[in-house]
């Protein structure tokens, strides 16, 4: 996620080798789902930019988990208001 720390808006790119369903979810440090950032299909070899709007969130540490049919990754995001 760029920038990191995020103040109001952050962005990150997702690119997959094969067309697949991808879900990107923001979690707090307690593991509670805060919001879904993306839930749908992503075409193969086409970068998809996803946004994180942090304007209504409190400062702290969050995690973005991105899962597809063939992968899963989690990135730490610091939100500083």
C-alpha atoms as a PDB file:
ATOM      1  CA  UNK A   1       0.000   0.000   0.000  1.00  0.00           C
ATOM      2  CA  UNK A   2       1.363   3.393  -0.926  1.00  0.00           C
ATOM      3  CA  UNK A   3       1.951   5.633   0.850  1.00  0.00           C
ATOM      4  CA  UNK A   4       2.596   3.827   4.106  1.00  0.00           C
ATOM      5  CA  UNK A   5       1.750   5.272   6.582  1.00  0.00           C
ATOM      6  CA  UNK A   6      -1.576   6.265   5.039  1.00  0.00           C
ATOM      7  CA  UNK A   7      -3.274   9.467   6.142  1.00  0.00           C
ATOM      8  CA  UNK A   8      -6.505   9.516   4.136  1.00  0.00           C
ATOM      9  CA  UNK A   9      -6.025   7.669   0.853  1.00  0.00           C
ATOM     10  CA  UNK A  10      -3.807   4.735  -0.045  1.00  0.00           C
ATOM     11  CA  UNK A  11      -3.541   2.630  -3.183  1.00  0.00           C
ATOM     12  CA  UNK A  12      -2.134  -0.732  -4.119  1.00  0.00           C
ATOM     13  CA  UNK A  13      -2.002  -2.835  -7.258  1.00  0.00           C
ATOM     14  CA  UNK A  14      -3.051  -6.432  -7.741  1.00  0.00           C
ATOM     15  CA  UNK A  15      -2.070  -8.440 -10.814  1.00  0.00           C
ATOM     16  CA  UNK A  16      -2.826 -12.114 -11.415  1.00  0.00           C
ATOM     17  CA  UNK A  17      -1.505 -14.570 -13.996  1.00  0.00           C
ATOM     18  CA  UNK A  18      -4.919 -16.157 -14.601  1.00  0.00           C
ATOM     19  CA  UNK A  19      -8.350 -14.528 -14.502  1.00  0.00           C
ATOM     20  CA  UNK A  20      -9.781 -15.270 -11.079  1.00  0.00           C
ATOM     21  CA  UNK A  21     -11.973 -14.066  -8.264  1.00  0.00           C
ATOM     22  CA  UNK A  22     -10.035 -11.843  -5.862  1.00  0.00           C
ATOM     23  CA  UNK A  23     -11.081 -10.526  -2.469  1.00  0.00           C
ATOM     24  CA  UNK A  24      -9.186  -7.735  -0.686  1.00  0.00           C
ATOM     25  CA  UNK A  25     -10.264  -7.121   2.913  1.00  0.00           C
ATOM     26  CA  UNK A  26      -9.053  -4.649   5.543  1.00  0.00           C
ATOM     27  CA  UNK A  27      -8.709  -6.007   9.111  1.00  0.00           C
ATOM     28  CA  UNK A  28      -7.841  -4.308  12.399  1.00  0.00           C
ATOM     29  CA  UNK A  29      -5.211  -5.658  14.817  1.00  0.00           C
ATOM     30  CA  UNK A  30      -7.878  -7.768  16.559  1.00  0.00           C
ATOM     31  CA  UNK A  31      -8.521  -9.615  13.309  1.00  0.00           C
ATOM     32  CA  UNK A  32     -11.929  -8.012  12.864  1.00  0.00           C
ATOM     33  CA  UNK A  33     -13.049  -7.247   9.328  1.00  0.00           C
ATOM     34  CA  UNK A  34     -13.212  -3.472   8.873  1.00  0.00           C
ATOM     35  CA  UNK A  35     -14.266  -3.319   5.223  1.00  0.00           C
ATOM     36  CA  UNK A  36     -14.048  -5.069   1.888  1.00  0.00           C
ATOM     37  CA  UNK A  37     -11.841  -3.213  -0.596  1.00  0.00           C
ATOM     38  CA  UNK A  38     -12.520  -5.500  -3.568  1.00  0.00           C
ATOM     39  CA  UNK A  39     -14.633  -8.585  -4.181  1.00  0.00           C
ATOM     40  CA  UNK A  40     -14.788  -9.673  -7.793  1.00  0.00           C
ATOM     41  CA  UNK A  41     -13.011 -10.933 -10.846  1.00  0.00           C
ATOM     42  CA  UNK A  42      -9.644  -9.621 -12.026  1.00  0.00           C
ATOM     43  CA  UNK A  43      -8.454 -10.240 -15.578  1.00  0.00           C
ATOM     44  CA  UNK A  44      -5.123 -11.945 -16.205  1.00  0.00           C
ATOM     45  CA  UNK A  45      -1.963  -9.852 -16.573  1.00  0.00           C
ATOM     46  CA  UNK A  46      -3.875  -6.600 -16.134  1.00  0.00           C
ATOM     47  CA  UNK A  47      -2.833  -4.528 -13.104  1.00  0.00           C
ATOM     48  CA  UNK A  48      -5.837  -3.471 -11.016  1.00  0.00           C
ATOM     49  CA  UNK A  49      -5.428  -0.480  -8.694  1.00  0.00           C
ATOM     50  CA  UNK A  50      -7.416  -0.738  -5.471  1.00  0.00           C
ATOM     51  CA  UNK A  51      -8.010   2.142  -3.077  1.00  0.00           C
ATOM     52  CA  UNK A  52      -8.030   2.362   0.685  1.00  0.00           C
ATOM     53  CA  UNK A  53     -10.036   5.267   2.082  1.00  0.00           C
ATOM     54  CA  UNK A  54      -8.831   5.812   5.634  1.00  0.00           C
ATOM     55  CA  UNK A  55     -10.649   9.095   6.261  1.00  0.00           C
ATOM     56  CA  UNK A  56     -13.299   7.481   8.489  1.00  0.00           C
ATOM     57  CA  UNK A  57     -10.909   5.141  10.348  1.00  0.00           C
ATOM     58  CA  UNK A  58      -8.967   5.724  13.541  1.00  0.00           C
ATOM     59  CA  UNK A  59      -5.180   5.836  13.544  1.00  0.00           C
ATOM     60  CA  UNK A  60      -3.452   2.516  14.081  1.00  0.00           C
ATOM     61  CA  UNK A  61      -2.223  -0.669  12.473  1.00  0.00           C
ATOM     62  CA  UNK A  62      -4.371  -2.498   9.918  1.00  0.00           C
ATOM     63  CA  UNK A  63      -3.837  -5.467   7.625  1.00  0.00           C
ATOM     64  CA  UNK A  64      -4.916  -5.880   4.018  1.00  0.00           C
ATOM     65  CA  UNK A  65      -5.480  -9.521   3.079  1.00  0.00           C
ATOM     66  CA  UNK A  66      -5.721 -10.226  -0.648  1.00  0.00           C
ATOM     67  CA  UNK A  67      -6.914 -13.715  -1.606  1.00  0.00           C
ATOM     68  CA  UNK A  68      -7.472 -15.277  -4.981  1.00  0.00           C
ATOM     69  CA  UNK A  69      -8.036 -18.788  -6.261  1.00  0.00           C
ATOM     70  CA  UNK A  70      -4.279 -19.403  -6.496  1.00  0.00           C
ATOM     71  CA  UNK A  71      -2.699 -17.071  -3.921  1.00  0.00           C
ATOM     72  CA  UNK A  72      -3.016 -15.231  -0.627  1.00  0.00           C
ATOM     73  CA  UNK A  73      -0.971 -12.360   0.794  1.00  0.00           C
ATOM     74  CA  UNK A  74      -1.267 -10.026   3.773  1.00  0.00           C
ATOM     75  CA  UNK A  75       0.299  -6.567   4.066  1.00  0.00           C
ATOM     76  CA  UNK A  76       0.563  -4.335   7.124  1.00  0.00           C
ATOM     77  CA  UNK A  77      -0.740  -0.772   6.807  1.00  0.00           C
ATOM     78  CA  UNK A  78      -0.199   2.044   9.292  1.00  0.00           C
ATOM     79  CA  UNK A  79      -2.952   4.659   9.358  1.00  0.00           C
ATOM     80  CA  UNK A  80      -1.908   8.037  10.780  1.00  0.00           C
ATOM     81  CA  UNK A  81      -4.599  10.695  10.984  1.00  0.00           C
END
